[in-house]
């Protein structure tokens, strides 16, 4: 069985975050969602758990940082085509996200852009043509 990834993200407005992630292509799994959390499915192996701050605090004693001011992680998702990168960024921006909080990456064989969700979490979307990648 393939390993699964569940990225847990604290959010300030669960309904707004659900709508945002649905707009960029994730699907809500109601089996693992309630009024404190939503499981957003990107693929069979990639999930984002959107957690209210109260719910997030149940899992860690550490302070919840303001992701608009600090970065702890950059989450990257692959795209099947180069134009899918731009389409995803456009969807994120029209859903209330911020397009390109970091520099665009264009290395010919690899193309990437990023968006910031309403809570400041940064997601990168990257397309890569492995046949054009430099050899080690």
Protein backbone atom coordinates (compact mmCIF):
# COMPACT_ATOMS: atom_id res chain seq x y z
CA UNK A 1 0.00 0.00 0.00
CA UNK A 2 1.24 3.49 -0.84
CA UNK A 3 2.00 5.75 2.08
CA UNK A 4 -0.50 8.55 2.66
CA UNK A 5 0.28 12.10 3.68
CA UNK A 6 -1.99 14.22 5.86
CA UNK A 7 -0.84 17.83 6.12
CA UNK A 8 -2.48 19.43 9.17
CA UNK A 9 -3.12 23.15 8.83
CA UNK A 10 -4.60 25.53 11.40
CA UNK A 11 -7.28 27.76 9.89
CA UNK A 12 -9.17 30.74 11.26
CA UNK A 13 -12.39 30.23 9.27
CA UNK A 14 -13.14 26.59 8.46
CA UNK A 15 -15.98 27.24 5.99
CA UNK A 16 -13.91 29.81 4.07
CA UNK A 17 -10.97 27.40 3.95
CA UNK A 18 -13.13 24.52 2.72
CA UNK A 19 -14.48 26.71 -0.09
CA UNK A 20 -10.96 27.82 -0.99
CA UNK A 21 -9.53 24.31 -1.16
CA UNK A 22 -12.51 23.06 -3.18
CA UNK A 23 -11.86 25.93 -5.62
CA UNK A 24 -8.26 24.78 -6.16
CA UNK A 25 -9.33 21.19 -6.81
CA UNK A 26 -9.53 19.37 -3.47
CA UNK A 27 -12.62 17.40 -2.46
CA UNK A 28 -14.00 17.34 1.09
CA UNK A 29 -14.19 13.87 2.64
CA UNK A 30 -17.19 14.09 4.99
CA UNK A 31 -16.16 10.86 6.76
CA UNK A 32 -13.26 12.73 8.40
CA UNK A 33 -14.83 16.17 8.68
CA UNK A 34 -16.94 17.90 11.31
CA UNK A 35 -17.43 21.42 12.64
CA UNK A 36 -13.80 21.54 13.88
CA UNK A 37 -11.96 19.89 10.97
CA UNK A 38 -12.20 19.10 7.29
CA UNK A 39 -10.30 16.45 5.36
CA UNK A 40 -9.55 17.85 1.91
CA UNK A 41 -8.46 15.23 -0.62
CA UNK A 42 -6.05 16.14 -3.42
CA UNK A 43 -5.43 12.53 -4.50
CA UNK A 44 -5.66 9.02 -3.11
CA UNK A 45 -2.45 9.67 -1.17
CA UNK A 46 -2.48 13.42 -0.43
CA UNK A 47 -4.82 15.03 2.09
CA UNK A 48 -4.93 18.38 3.89
CA UNK A 49 -6.57 18.40 7.29
CA UNK A 50 -7.96 21.86 7.92
CA UNK A 51 -8.27 22.32 11.68
CA UNK A 52 -9.79 25.14 13.67
CA UNK A 53 -7.28 26.67 16.06
CA UNK A 54 -9.01 25.00 19.01
CA UNK A 55 -8.75 21.60 17.30
CA UNK A 56 -5.14 22.19 16.23
CA UNK A 57 -4.18 22.99 19.84
CA UNK A 58 -5.30 19.48 20.84
CA UNK A 59 -2.30 18.08 18.92
CA UNK A 60 0.50 20.39 20.03
CA UNK A 61 1.43 22.53 23.01
CA UNK A 62 3.29 24.96 20.73
CA UNK A 63 1.88 28.33 19.73
CA UNK A 64 0.14 28.53 16.38
CA UNK A 65 2.15 30.94 14.23
CA UNK A 66 0.55 33.54 12.01
CA UNK A 67 1.42 32.14 8.57
CA UNK A 68 0.99 35.63 7.08
CA UNK A 69 4.09 36.64 9.05
CA UNK A 70 6.17 33.46 9.38
CA UNK A 71 6.86 30.36 7.30
CA UNK A 72 7.49 26.94 8.72
CA UNK A 73 6.89 24.84 5.63
CA UNK A 74 6.32 25.20 1.91
CA UNK A 75 4.00 22.50 0.64
CA UNK A 76 4.47 21.41 -2.98
CA UNK A 77 2.12 19.48 -5.23
CA UNK A 78 2.99 18.14 -8.65
CA UNK A 79 1.11 19.04 -11.81
CA UNK A 80 0.74 16.81 -14.86
CA UNK A 81 1.20 19.66 -17.34
CA UNK A 82 2.89 23.04 -17.38
CA UNK A 83 -0.39 24.85 -18.12
CA UNK A 84 -1.98 23.13 -15.09
CA UNK A 85 0.42 25.10 -12.87
CA UNK A 86 -0.91 28.44 -14.18
CA UNK A 87 -4.53 27.21 -14.06
CA UNK A 88 -4.21 26.20 -10.40
CA UNK A 89 -2.68 29.54 -9.45
CA UNK A 90 -5.51 31.35 -11.27
CA UNK A 91 -8.10 29.28 -9.36
CA UNK A 92 -6.39 30.04 -6.06
CA UNK A 93 -6.29 33.76 -6.78
CA UNK A 94 -9.93 33.93 -7.85
CA UNK A 95 -10.91 32.04 -4.67
CA UNK A 96 -9.27 34.64 -2.42
CA UNK A 97 -5.70 33.39 -2.30
CA UNK A 98 -2.56 35.34 -3.14
CA UNK A 99 -0.76 34.38 -6.34
CA UNK A 100 3.01 34.05 -6.42
CA UNK A 101 4.07 35.02 -2.88
CA UNK A 102 7.45 33.60 -3.92
CA UNK A 103 9.30 33.87 -7.23
CA UNK A 104 8.15 31.88 -10.25
CA UNK A 105 10.50 29.06 -11.20
CA UNK A 106 11.16 28.35 -14.85
CA UNK A 107 14.08 26.07 -15.61
CA UNK A 108 12.76 24.74 -18.92
CA UNK A 109 12.35 21.14 -17.74
CA UNK A 110 10.74 22.37 -14.49
CA UNK A 111 8.13 25.08 -13.99
CA UNK A 112 6.63 26.13 -10.69
CA UNK A 113 4.54 28.82 -9.09
CA UNK A 114 2.96 29.22 -5.68
CA UNK A 115 -0.11 30.53 -3.93
CA UNK A 116 -0.95 31.57 -0.41
CA UNK A 117 -4.24 30.36 1.09
CA UNK A 118 -6.46 32.71 3.14
CA UNK A 119 -4.52 31.78 6.31
CA UNK A 120 -1.11 32.43 4.75
CA UNK A 121 -0.03 28.82 4.12
CA UNK A 122 2.06 28.62 0.96
CA UNK A 123 1.49 25.88 -1.60
CA UNK A 124 3.76 25.38 -4.60
CA UNK A 125 2.52 23.76 -7.80
CA UNK A 126 5.31 22.25 -9.90
CA UNK A 127 5.47 20.56 -13.30
CA UNK A 128 8.61 18.66 -14.27
CA UNK A 129 9.71 16.90 -17.44
CA UNK A 130 12.10 14.28 -16.06
CA UNK A 131 13.47 13.52 -19.52
CA UNK A 132 14.83 17.06 -19.64
CA UNK A 133 16.19 17.10 -16.08
CA UNK A 134 19.96 17.36 -15.67
CA UNK A 135 21.68 14.06 -15.08
CA UNK A 136 23.43 13.53 -11.74
